């Protein structure tokens, strides 16, 4: 996807480097950037306030550049909002550079800077809107006493809270939060998104996230090495498959799904049907004969291939047909509901040995892969793994505490080491590519926390992989799956949402992507 780099997700030190490059190398003054930042926040504040209301806005400023942004916000609201009050944590003589400049501008307009003390605490309770301009993206660790007290007062108020760059107490890189971290209704961050605002628990404190363009040139971003991006909804249509008017089904992807075991026929049905709904031209389900008997009439369009297992082995004739089917397939998906018995392990071994095309491994397939994952390093044709965090921990031998809340670097390392595309499920999900790029997907909702969702995702990716590249199929499939859940949730309560519901909304989601974004 050529234009996906429009939405970089940066670490705090990377964003600081962009800022320095813009000021020192390009020559754009910091005061100009601060003015644009303050204007962006003021615009969001005005969107939150009712026109003509007698609102009181309290702007809470720290002594750094984040506080300087706050002074600009206050000045921009002056004369539009009936009452604007600035409260400073610290002393005016500690203000330096552009922050000092904008504090002086505020004072020259005849406005007062109140200091944070007991007498100003009542302002938090009477404010209609509070601007949190205390700390910027460089802040780390526990909040000092005064900041913790101010943040606690913000959270105790009934005011609308708008955070400048990030809520006070949220770590920009890790998403970790202080026990008193500010809970904002909206956050206006500058230049680029920060991972700590996208991943939990930071995302729960961020509210609605706005990323404001305040004038950083593209050259400044190019000077910083970054390979992490937010998936842009408005460009996802560029990945959609297209079909020639005279195309045949065998040119739209021959998909072999190996799934299902005793009690898990549903996983096989969901995966194979999702592959069809994603455009797969011909889908064959490989599963045990008793599962085929259960699915005889469902799904109607899926061809059934019996996988026989007798006396702890696969009969020679059936093995020959199985290998022939692997040669026939353009794409193989293995794992959903497959089980962990000897037969499942054998079928995975056969796939790894005899199939050299695009391969999607999910669920039990991932668990079985744990002791032979090194084989992925030399696979031809590409491999996608779609674990949830628990499966990823088992696959890598990590302990629970070893998986960071922002797992970008861990996912990237795995994808690079094992030459595989890793789709790590979560809120948000992400795709890490072998070349080091990571794409984060914020679509989706809590209703997806139910059985069968991963089976549908695997089927979608498999169906798309028969029509477009494996990389693009994984990225598009991740978004399509999550977006279908969001569309379904508009009609179905989250508590009642099922994997089958998401499956049924795939056609509508394709249509939306083509018509709305295309």
Protein backbone atom coordinates (compact mmCIF):
# COMPACT_ATOMS: atom_id res chain seq x y z
CA UNK A 1 0.00 0.00 0.00
CA UNK A 2 1.92 2.99 -1.30
CA UNK A 3 0.29 5.76 0.77
CA UNK A 4 -0.10 3.97 4.08
CA UNK A 5 2.88 5.89 5.48
CA UNK A 6 0.67 8.95 5.89
CA UNK A 7 -0.19 7.77 9.40
CA UNK A 8 3.09 7.15 11.25
CA UNK A 9 3.03 6.04 14.89
CA UNK A 10 6.10 7.44 16.64
CA UNK A 11 7.89 7.01 19.93
CA UNK A 12 8.36 10.11 22.07
CA UNK A 13 12.05 10.42 21.19
CA UNK A 14 11.23 10.10 17.47
CA UNK A 15 8.65 12.87 17.72
CA UNK A 16 11.18 15.03 19.58
CA UNK A 17 13.65 14.41 16.74
CA UNK A 18 11.04 15.52 14.19
CA UNK A 19 10.47 18.66 16.23
CA UNK A 20 14.21 19.44 16.46
CA UNK A 21 14.77 18.81 12.75
CA UNK A 22 11.89 21.13 11.86
CA UNK A 23 13.22 23.94 14.02
CA UNK A 24 17.00 23.52 13.58
CA UNK A 25 17.33 22.17 10.03
CA UNK A 26 14.24 23.53 8.25
CA UNK A 27 14.18 26.81 10.19
CA UNK A 28 10.51 26.86 11.20
CA UNK A 29 10.42 28.60 14.61
CA UNK A 30 9.13 26.64 17.57
CA UNK A 31 6.73 29.50 18.30
CA UNK A 32 5.06 28.92 14.93
CA UNK A 33 4.56 25.22 15.71
CA UNK A 34 3.26 26.12 19.18
CA UNK A 35 0.77 28.56 17.70
CA UNK A 36 -0.59 25.92 15.34
CA UNK A 37 -0.78 23.37 18.15
CA UNK A 38 -2.72 25.73 20.37
CA UNK A 39 -5.08 26.64 17.54
CA UNK A 40 -5.79 22.95 16.87
CA UNK A 41 -6.70 22.36 20.51
CA UNK A 42 -8.81 25.52 20.69
CA UNK A 43 -10.77 24.37 17.62
CA UNK A 44 -11.58 21.06 19.31
CA UNK A 45 -12.61 22.93 22.47
CA UNK A 46 -15.05 25.06 20.50
CA UNK A 47 -16.52 21.96 18.89
CA UNK A 48 -17.27 20.62 22.37
CA UNK A 49 -18.98 23.77 23.66
CA UNK A 50 -22.51 24.81 22.74
CA UNK A 51 -22.59 28.01 20.65
CA UNK A 52 -23.59 30.98 22.75
CA UNK A 53 -23.24 29.11 26.04
CA UNK A 54 -21.93 30.89 29.13
CA UNK A 55 -19.09 28.42 29.45
CA UNK A 56 -16.14 28.58 31.77
CA UNK A 57 -12.89 27.12 30.46
CA UNK A 58 -9.96 26.36 32.76
CA UNK A 59 -6.59 25.83 31.07
CA UNK A 60 -4.19 23.98 33.34
CA UNK A 61 -0.58 24.62 32.27
CA UNK A 62 2.74 23.07 33.19
CA UNK A 63 6.05 24.90 32.86
CA UNK A 64 7.22 23.18 29.67
CA UNK A 65 6.20 23.44 26.02
CA UNK A 66 2.96 21.60 26.74
CA UNK A 67 2.08 24.47 29.05
CA UNK A 68 3.09 26.91 26.30
CA UNK A 69 0.54 25.21 24.04
CA UNK A 70 -1.99 25.78 26.82
CA UNK A 71 -1.33 29.54 26.87
CA UNK A 72 -2.02 29.64 23.12
CA UNK A 73 -5.26 27.71 23.65
CA UNK A 74 -6.37 30.22 26.27
CA UNK A 75 -5.53 33.19 24.02
CA UNK A 76 -7.36 31.62 21.07
CA UNK A 77 -10.49 31.14 23.20
CA UNK A 78 -10.38 34.62 24.69
CA UNK A 79 -13.26 36.72 23.42
CA UNK A 80 -15.12 33.67 22.12
CA UNK A 81 -15.72 31.89 25.41
CA UNK A 82 -17.19 34.06 28.21
CA UNK A 83 -14.66 33.03 30.84
CA UNK A 84 -11.16 31.65 30.31
CA UNK A 85 -8.89 31.04 33.29
CA UNK A 86 -5.24 29.91 33.23
CA UNK A 87 -3.83 28.01 36.20
CA UNK A 88 -0.07 27.32 36.25
CA UNK A 89 1.61 24.46 38.11
CA UNK A 90 4.87 26.06 39.12
CA UNK A 91 6.06 29.63 39.00
CA UNK A 92 6.09 32.04 36.09
CA UNK A 93 9.86 32.52 36.36
CA UNK A 94 10.35 28.83 35.49
CA UNK A 95 8.83 29.33 32.04
CA UNK A 96 11.42 29.39 29.24
CA UNK A 97 11.54 29.93 25.49
CA UNK A 98 8.29 29.72 23.55
CA UNK A 99 6.28 28.88 26.67
CA UNK A 100 7.53 32.07 28.33
CA UNK A 101 6.74 34.05 25.16
CA UNK A 102 3.12 32.90 25.10
CA UNK A 103 2.70 33.46 28.83
CA UNK A 104 3.84 37.06 28.32
CA UNK A 105 1.38 37.47 25.44
CA UNK A 106 -1.39 36.30 27.74
CA UNK A 107 -0.37 38.79 30.39
CA UNK A 108 -0.05 41.66 27.88
CA UNK A 109 -3.66 41.04 26.97
CA UNK A 110 -4.46 42.02 30.54
CA UNK A 111 -5.05 38.44 31.64
CA UNK A 112 -4.01 36.87 34.90
CA UNK A 113 -2.00 33.69 35.48
CA UNK A 114 -3.22 32.00 38.65
CA UNK A 115 -0.94 29.58 40.45
CA UNK A 116 -2.14 26.11 41.41
CA UNK A 117 -2.95 26.21 45.11
CA UNK A 118 -5.79 25.51 47.47
CA UNK A 119 -7.65 28.67 46.47
CA UNK A 120 -7.85 27.61 42.80
CA UNK A 121 -9.13 24.08 43.40
CA UNK A 122 -12.74 25.28 43.33
CA UNK A 123 -12.24 26.31 39.69
CA UNK A 124 -12.06 22.63 38.72
CA UNK A 125 -15.56 22.08 40.11
CA UNK A 126 -17.09 25.11 38.36
CA UNK A 127 -15.43 24.61 34.95
CA UNK A 128 -17.44 23.49 31.95
CA UNK A 129 -14.29 22.51 30.06
CA UNK A 130 -10.76 21.83 31.30
CA UNK A 131 -7.71 21.84 29.05
CA UNK A 132 -4.98 19.51 30.34
CA UNK A 133 -1.72 21.14 29.23
CA UNK A 134 0.40 19.91 32.12
CA UNK A 135 2.89 17.42 30.68
CA UNK A 136 4.03 16.45 27.20
CA UNK A 137 5.11 13.23 25.52
CA UNK A 138 8.52 13.30 27.19
CA UNK A 139 7.13 12.75 30.69
CA UNK A 140 7.85 9.37 32.29
CA UNK A 141 7.23 7.65 35.59
CA UNK A 142 4.90 8.40 38.47
CA UNK A 143 3.33 11.85 38.73
CA UNK A 144 4.85 14.17 41.29
CA UNK A 145 2.58 15.25 44.13
CA UNK A 146 1.29 18.53 42.64
CA UNK A 147 0.60 16.96 39.24
CA UNK A 148 -1.09 13.97 40.83
CA UNK A 149 -3.31 16.32 42.85
CA UNK A 150 -4.19 18.39 39.77
CA UNK A 151 -4.96 15.27 37.73
CA UNK A 152 -7.15 13.93 40.54
CA UNK A 153 -9.10 17.20 40.65
CA UNK A 154 -9.61 17.08 36.89
CA UNK A 155 -11.06 13.60 37.18
CA UNK A 156 -13.31 14.65 40.06
CA UNK A 157 -14.84 17.47 38.01
CA UNK A 158 -17.86 17.19 35.75
CA UNK A 159 -16.14 19.20 33.05
CA UNK A 160 -15.34 18.15 29.50
CA UNK A 161 -11.61 17.36 29.47
CA UNK A 162 -9.42 18.04 26.44
CA UNK A 163 -5.82 16.81 26.68
CA UNK A 164 -2.96 18.56 24.88
CA UNK A 165 -0.77 15.99 23.08
CA UNK A 166 -1.56 13.30 25.69
CA UNK A 167 -3.42 13.05 28.99
CA UNK A 168 -1.26 13.75 32.02
CA UNK A 169 -0.08 10.49 33.55
CA UNK A 170 -0.17 8.44 30.33
CA UNK A 171 3.14 7.16 28.96
CA UNK A 172 3.37 8.05 25.27
CA UNK A 173 5.40 4.95 24.39
CA UNK A 174 4.04 2.18 26.59
CA UNK A 175 0.45 3.21 27.30
CA UNK A 176 1.07 2.67 31.02
CA UNK A 177 -0.91 5.01 33.25
CA UNK A 178 -0.38 6.59 36.64
CA UNK A 179 -3.03 5.80 39.25
CA UNK A 180 -4.19 9.43 38.98
CA UNK A 181 -3.85 9.78 35.20
CA UNK A 182 -6.25 12.23 33.56
CA UNK A 183 -9.23 10.68 31.81
CA UNK A 184 -9.91 12.90 28.81
CA UNK A 185 -12.95 13.02 26.54
CA UNK A 186 -10.69 14.08 23.68
CA UNK A 187 -6.95 14.23 23.08
CA UNK A 188 -5.32 16.40 20.43
CA UNK A 189 -1.89 15.01 19.61
CA UNK A 190 0.51 16.72 17.22
CA UNK A 191 2.25 15.65 14.03
CA UNK A 192 1.96 11.89 14.49
CA UNK A 193 0.15 9.35 16.61
CA UNK A 194 1.82 7.88 19.69
CA UNK A 195 1.53 4.19 20.51
CA UNK A 196 0.59 4.84 24.14
CA UNK A 197 -2.59 6.59 22.97
CA UNK A 198 -3.63 3.62 20.82
CA UNK A 199 -2.92 0.64 23.08
CA UNK A 200 -4.49 -0.14 26.45
CA UNK A 201 -4.62 1.07 29.09
CA UNK A 202 -3.64 4.47 27.63
CA UNK A 203 -6.35 4.34 24.98
CA UNK A 204 -9.04 4.23 27.69
CA UNK A 205 -7.75 7.56 29.05
CA UNK A 206 -7.34 9.24 25.66
CA UNK A 207 -10.97 9.54 24.61
CA UNK A 208 -11.53 10.60 21.03
CA UNK A 209 -8.12 10.96 19.42
CA UNK A 210 -7.35 13.82 17.03
CA UNK A 211 -4.02 14.03 15.21
CA UNK A 212 -3.37 17.64 14.23
CA UNK A 213 -1.09 18.75 11.42
CA UNK A 214 0.76 21.71 12.94
CA UNK A 215 3.26 22.24 10.15
CA UNK A 216 5.94 19.56 10.46
CA UNK A 217 7.33 19.07 6.92
CA UNK A 218 7.39 15.58 5.43
CA UNK A 219 11.17 15.92 5.17
CA UNK A 220 11.35 16.07 8.97
CA UNK A 221 9.48 12.76 9.27
CA UNK A 222 11.70 11.23 6.60
CA UNK A 223 14.75 12.10 8.68
CA UNK A 224 13.49 9.76 11.42
CA UNK A 225 13.52 6.02 10.75
CA UNK A 226 10.05 4.73 11.44
CA UNK A 227 8.30 1.55 10.34
CA UNK A 228 5.12 1.66 12.42
CA UNK A 229 1.89 2.99 10.92
CA UNK A 230 -1.80 3.24 11.69
CA UNK A 231 -3.95 1.60 9.06
CA UNK A 232 -5.76 4.43 7.22
CA UNK A 233 -9.43 3.59 6.68
CA UNK A 234 -9.75 5.93 3.74
CA UNK A 235 -7.02 4.15 1.75
CA UNK A 236 -7.88 0.53 2.47
CA UNK A 237 -9.92 0.35 -0.73
CA UNK A 238 -6.68 0.39 -2.72
CA UNK A 239 -6.11 -3.21 -1.61
CA UNK A 240 -9.46 -4.57 -2.80
CA UNK A 241 -9.29 -7.32 -5.45
CA UNK A 242 -10.69 -6.56 -8.89
CA UNK A 243 -12.11 -9.07 -11.35
CA UNK A 244 -11.87 -9.29 -15.10
CA UNK A 245 -15.33 -9.63 -16.72
CA UNK A 246 -14.36 -13.02 -18.21
CA UNK A 247 -12.62 -14.51 -15.17
CA UNK A 248 -13.16 -18.14 -14.10
CA UNK A 249 -13.50 -19.47 -10.55
CA UNK A 250 -10.14 -21.25 -10.66
CA UNK A 251 -8.49 -17.87 -11.27
CA UNK A 252 -10.03 -16.36 -8.11
CA UNK A 253 -8.21 -18.62 -5.72
CA UNK A 254 -8.30 -22.35 -5.01
CA UNK A 255 -8.43 -22.46 -1.22
CA UNK A 256 -7.80 -25.57 0.88
CA UNK A 257 -9.00 -25.20 4.47
CA UNK A 258 -7.85 -27.87 6.94
CA UNK A 259 -9.96 -27.50 10.06
CA UNK A 260 -12.32 -29.12 12.52
CA UNK A 261 -12.25 -32.04 14.95
CA UNK A 262 -14.67 -33.71 17.33
CA UNK A 263 -16.95 -31.02 18.75
CA UNK A 264 -15.37 -28.33 16.55
CA UNK A 265 -17.32 -28.65 13.29
CA UNK A 266 -18.39 -25.02 13.66
CA UNK A 267 -14.80 -23.79 13.32
CA UNK A 268 -14.46 -25.63 10.01
CA UNK A 269 -17.75 -24.21 8.74
CA UNK A 270 -16.96 -20.62 9.77
CA UNK A 271 -13.48 -20.66 8.23
CA UNK A 272 -14.48 -22.20 4.90
CA UNK A 273 -17.57 -20.00 4.52
CA UNK A 274 -15.54 -16.87 5.31
CA UNK A 275 -13.08 -17.84 2.57
CA UNK A 276 -15.98 -17.92 0.12
CA UNK A 277 -17.39 -14.62 1.37
CA UNK A 278 -13.98 -13.03 0.88
CA UNK A 279 -14.07 -13.95 -2.79
CA UNK A 280 -12.36 -17.33 -2.91
CA UNK A 281 -13.24 -18.94 -6.25
CA UNK A 282 -13.25 -22.54 -5.05
CA UNK A 283 -13.00 -23.58 -1.40
CA UNK A 284 -12.32 -27.14 -0.30
CA UNK A 285 -12.64 -28.16 3.34
CA UNK A 286 -10.34 -30.94 4.50
CA UNK A 287 -11.65 -32.55 7.67
CA UNK A 288 -12.56 -35.89 9.23
CA UNK A 289 -15.42 -37.89 7.70
CA UNK A 290 -17.65 -37.53 10.78
CA UNK A 291 -17.27 -33.74 10.56
CA UNK A 292 -18.20 -33.89 6.88
CA UNK A 293 -21.32 -35.84 7.82
CA UNK A 294 -22.29 -33.06 10.24
CA UNK A 295 -21.68 -30.40 7.58
CA UNK A 296 -23.20 -32.29 4.65
CA UNK A 297 -25.60 -29.47 3.86
CA UNK A 298 -23.56 -26.60 5.20
CA UNK A 299 -21.95 -24.69 3.74
CA UNK A 300 -23.46 -25.75 0.42
CA UNK A 301 -20.81 -24.14 -1.77
CA UNK A 302 -17.81 -25.71 0.00
CA UNK A 303 -16.35 -28.93 -1.42
CA UNK A 304 -15.58 -31.54 1.26
CA UNK A 305 -12.33 -33.56 1.26
CA UNK A 306 -12.30 -36.40 3.85
CA UNK A 307 -9.16 -36.75 5.94
CA UNK A 308 -9.06 -40.38 7.08
CA UNK A 309 -7.03 -41.46 10.11
CA UNK A 310 -6.76 -45.12 11.00
CA UNK A 311 -4.47 -46.99 13.39
CA UNK A 312 -2.57 -43.81 14.17
CA UNK A 313 -1.75 -43.09 10.52
CA UNK A 314 -3.27 -41.89 7.28
CA UNK A 315 -3.99 -44.68 4.79
CA UNK A 316 -1.63 -44.56 1.79
CA UNK A 317 -4.38 -43.90 -0.75
CA UNK A 318 -5.82 -41.06 1.31
CA UNK A 319 -2.35 -39.62 1.88
CA UNK A 320 -1.74 -39.56 -1.85
CA UNK A 321 -5.01 -37.70 -2.43
CA UNK A 322 -4.16 -35.29 0.40
CA UNK A 323 -0.82 -34.43 -1.20
CA UNK A 324 -2.50 -34.02 -4.57
CA UNK A 325 -4.92 -31.56 -2.99
CA UNK A 326 -1.99 -29.61 -1.56
CA UNK A 327 -0.50 -29.39 -5.05
CA UNK A 328 -3.86 -28.23 -6.40
CA UNK A 329 -4.29 -25.44 -3.86
CA UNK A 330 -3.27 -21.83 -4.39
CA UNK A 331 -3.69 -21.12 -0.67
CA UNK A 332 -3.85 -23.34 2.42
CA UNK A 333 -5.35 -22.38 5.79
CA UNK A 334 -4.84 -24.79 8.68
CA UNK A 335 -5.65 -24.86 12.37
CA UNK A 336 -9.17 -23.69 13.33
CA UNK A 337 -10.70 -26.31 15.61
CA UNK A 338 -8.13 -28.85 14.39
CA UNK A 339 -7.21 -30.23 17.80
CA UNK A 340 -3.80 -31.23 19.13
CA UNK A 341 -3.89 -34.97 18.49
CA UNK A 342 -1.43 -36.96 16.36
CA UNK A 343 -3.57 -36.61 13.23
CA UNK A 344 -3.53 -32.81 13.43
CA UNK A 345 0.23 -32.79 13.97
CA UNK A 346 0.68 -35.10 10.97
CA UNK A 347 -1.41 -32.90 8.67
CA UNK A 348 0.54 -29.79 9.68
CA UNK A 349 3.78 -31.66 8.99
CA UNK A 350 2.50 -32.62 5.51
CA UNK A 351 1.53 -29.03 4.77
CA UNK A 352 4.93 -27.70 5.82
CA UNK A 353 6.69 -30.36 3.73
CA UNK A 354 4.61 -30.45 0.55
CA UNK A 355 2.90 -27.08 0.19
CA UNK A 356 4.97 -24.10 -0.93
CA UNK A 357 2.34 -21.42 -1.52
CA UNK A 358 0.66 -18.85 0.74
CA UNK A 359 -0.10 -20.48 4.09
CA UNK A 360 -2.27 -19.22 6.95
CA UNK A 361 -1.79 -20.94 10.32
CA UNK A 362 -4.25 -20.27 13.14
CA UNK A 363 -5.40 -21.60 16.51
CA UNK A 364 -4.38 -25.23 17.07
CA UNK A 365 -2.06 -24.99 14.09
CA UNK A 366 -0.09 -22.33 15.97
CA UNK A 367 0.01 -24.42 19.13
CA UNK A 368 1.31 -27.40 17.14
CA UNK A 369 3.93 -25.21 15.49
CA UNK A 370 5.65 -24.38 18.76
CA UNK A 371 8.36 -27.04 18.48
CA UNK A 372 9.00 -26.66 14.76
CA UNK A 373 8.63 -22.95 14.11
CA UNK A 374 12.17 -22.73 12.76
CA UNK A 375 10.84 -24.38 9.60
CA UNK A 376 9.08 -21.11 8.79
CA UNK A 377 12.40 -19.36 8.17
CA UNK A 378 12.97 -21.12 4.84
CA UNK A 379 9.36 -21.48 3.66
CA UNK A 380 8.64 -20.35 0.13
CA UNK A 381 5.33 -18.71 -0.70
CA UNK A 382 4.84 -16.80 2.55
CA UNK A 383 3.29 -17.65 5.90
CA UNK A 384 0.74 -15.83 8.05
CA UNK A 385 0.31 -16.60 11.75
CA UNK A 386 -2.79 -15.21 13.49
CA UNK A 387 -2.34 -15.77 17.25
CA UNK A 388 -4.11 -14.10 20.11
CA UNK A 389 -1.72 -13.06 22.94
CA UNK A 390 -1.99 -16.41 24.75
CA UNK A 391 -1.14 -18.38 21.61
CA UNK A 392 1.74 -16.02 20.89
CA UNK A 393 3.15 -16.54 24.38
CA UNK A 394 2.99 -20.32 23.95
CA UNK A 395 4.50 -20.12 20.48
CA UNK A 396 7.46 -18.05 21.64
CA UNK A 397 7.89 -19.61 25.08
CA UNK A 398 7.40 -16.26 26.76
CA UNK A 399 5.82 -15.66 30.13
CA UNK A 400 2.78 -13.42 30.47
CA UNK A 401 4.80 -10.54 31.90
CA UNK A 402 7.18 -10.70 28.92
CA UNK A 403 4.55 -9.38 26.47
CA UNK A 404 4.50 -5.57 26.68
CA UNK A 405 1.26 -3.63 26.51
CA UNK A 406 2.52 -2.12 23.26
CA UNK A 407 3.78 -5.29 21.55
CA UNK A 408 5.02 -3.60 18.37
CA UNK A 409 8.73 -4.32 18.85
CA UNK A 410 8.10 -7.92 19.96
CA UNK A 411 5.88 -8.60 16.95
CA UNK A 412 8.36 -6.99 14.58
CA UNK A 413 11.22 -9.06 15.97
CA UNK A 414 9.28 -12.31 15.51
CA UNK A 415 8.23 -11.50 11.94
CA UNK A 416 11.79 -10.62 10.96
CA UNK A 417 13.33 -13.67 12.66
CA UNK A 418 10.91 -16.24 11.29
CA UNK A 419 10.26 -14.70 7.86
CA UNK A 420 6.53 -14.70 8.57
CA UNK A 421 3.65 -12.25 8.60
CA UNK A 422 2.38 -11.99 12.16
CA UNK A 423 -1.17 -10.84 12.80
CA UNK A 424 -1.31 -10.39 16.55
CA UNK A 425 -4.93 -10.11 17.65
CA UNK A 426 -5.92 -7.64 20.31
CA UNK A 427 -7.40 -4.22 20.90
CA UNK A 428 -5.93 -2.97 18.67
CA UNK A 429 -4.69 -5.73 16.37
CA UNK A 430 -1.50 -5.37 14.38
CA UNK A 431 0.26 -6.91 11.40
CA UNK A 432 4.05 -7.21 11.49
CA UNK A 433 5.81 -7.95 8.19
CA UNK A 434 9.17 -9.66 7.64
CA UNK A 435 10.61 -6.39 6.29
CA UNK A 436 10.07 -4.71 9.67
CA UNK A 437 6.94 -2.70 8.93
CA UNK A 438 4.07 -2.86 11.42
CA UNK A 439 0.48 -1.78 10.69
CA UNK A 440 -1.95 -1.11 13.55
CA UNK A 441 -5.71 -1.53 13.14
CA UNK A 442 -8.03 0.33 15.52
CA UNK A 443 -11.31 -0.90 14.02
CA UNK A 444 -13.34 -3.45 15.98
CA UNK A 445 -15.21 -3.58 19.28
CA UNK A 446 -15.50 -5.60 22.53
CA UNK A 447 -18.32 -7.69 21.05
CA UNK A 448 -15.63 -9.57 19.12
CA UNK A 449 -14.53 -11.28 22.34
CA UNK A 450 -16.47 -14.44 21.54
CA UNK A 451 -15.78 -17.88 20.10
CA UNK A 452 -15.28 -18.28 16.37
CA UNK A 453 -14.10 -14.76 15.55
CA UNK A 454 -10.58 -15.98 14.77
CA UNK A 455 -11.97 -18.68 12.47
CA UNK A 456 -13.76 -16.05 10.42
CA UNK A 457 -10.60 -13.94 10.24
CA UNK A 458 -8.53 -16.89 9.01
CA UNK A 459 -11.09 -17.64 6.31
CA UNK A 460 -11.19 -14.02 5.15
CA UNK A 461 -7.42 -13.86 4.79
CA UNK A 462 -7.36 -17.20 2.96
CA UNK A 463 -10.05 -16.12 0.52
CA UNK A 464 -8.32 -12.82 -0.20
CA UNK A 465 -4.91 -14.49 -0.59
CA UNK A 466 -6.14 -16.28 -3.69
CA UNK A 467 -6.71 -12.91 -5.36
CA UNK A 468 -4.07 -10.47 -4.04
CA UNK A 469 -0.66 -10.72 -2.37
CA UNK A 470 -0.46 -12.42 1.00
CA UNK A 471 0.76 -9.21 2.64
CA UNK A 472 -2.13 -7.16 1.28
CA UNK A 473 -4.63 -9.94 2.03
CA UNK A 474 -3.55 -9.98 5.67
CA UNK A 475 -3.77 -6.21 6.08
CA UNK A 476 -7.09 -5.95 4.24
CA UNK A 477 -8.46 -9.03 6.00
CA UNK A 478 -7.60 -7.60 9.43
CA UNK A 479 -9.51 -4.41 8.67
CA UNK A 480 -12.40 -6.07 6.85
CA UNK A 481 -13.01 -8.45 9.78
CA UNK A 482 -12.98 -5.65 12.38
CA UNK A 483 -15.04 -3.27 10.27
CA UNK A 484 -17.68 -5.95 9.65
CA UNK A 485 -17.96 -6.31 13.43
CA UNK A 486 -18.44 -2.55 13.80
CA UNK A 487 -21.16 -2.49 11.13
CA UNK A 488 -22.86 -5.47 12.76
CA UNK A 489 -22.71 -3.75 16.16
CA UNK A 490 -24.80 -0.89 14.77
CA UNK A 491 -27.69 -3.37 14.44
CA UNK A 492 -26.84 -5.94 17.13
CA UNK A 493 -26.05 -5.30 20.79
CA UNK A 494 -22.40 -6.04 21.61
CA UNK A 495 -23.37 -8.68 24.14
CA UNK A 496 -25.24 -10.62 21.45
CA UNK A 497 -22.64 -10.31 18.67
CA UNK A 498 -21.43 -13.66 17.30
CA UNK A 499 -18.84 -14.77 14.77
CA UNK A 500 -21.69 -15.78 12.49
CA UNK A 501 -23.02 -12.22 12.63
CA UNK A 502 -19.66 -10.85 11.51
CA UNK A 503 -19.56 -13.43 8.72
CA UNK A 504 -22.97 -12.31 7.49
CA UNK A 505 -21.85 -8.66 7.34
CA UNK A 506 -18.79 -9.28 5.16
CA UNK A 507 -20.62 -8.53 1.86
CA UNK A 508 -21.96 -5.26 3.26
CA UNK A 509 -18.48 -4.33 4.47
CA UNK A 510 -16.96 -4.91 1.03
CA UNK A 511 -19.65 -2.66 -0.41
CA UNK A 512 -19.01 0.07 2.13
CA UNK A 513 -15.27 0.06 1.48
CA UNK A 514 -15.81 0.35 -2.29
CA UNK A 515 -18.51 3.03 -2.11
CA UNK A 516 -17.39 5.07 0.89
CA UNK A 517 -13.63 5.04 0.51
CA UNK A 518 -13.12 4.06 -3.11
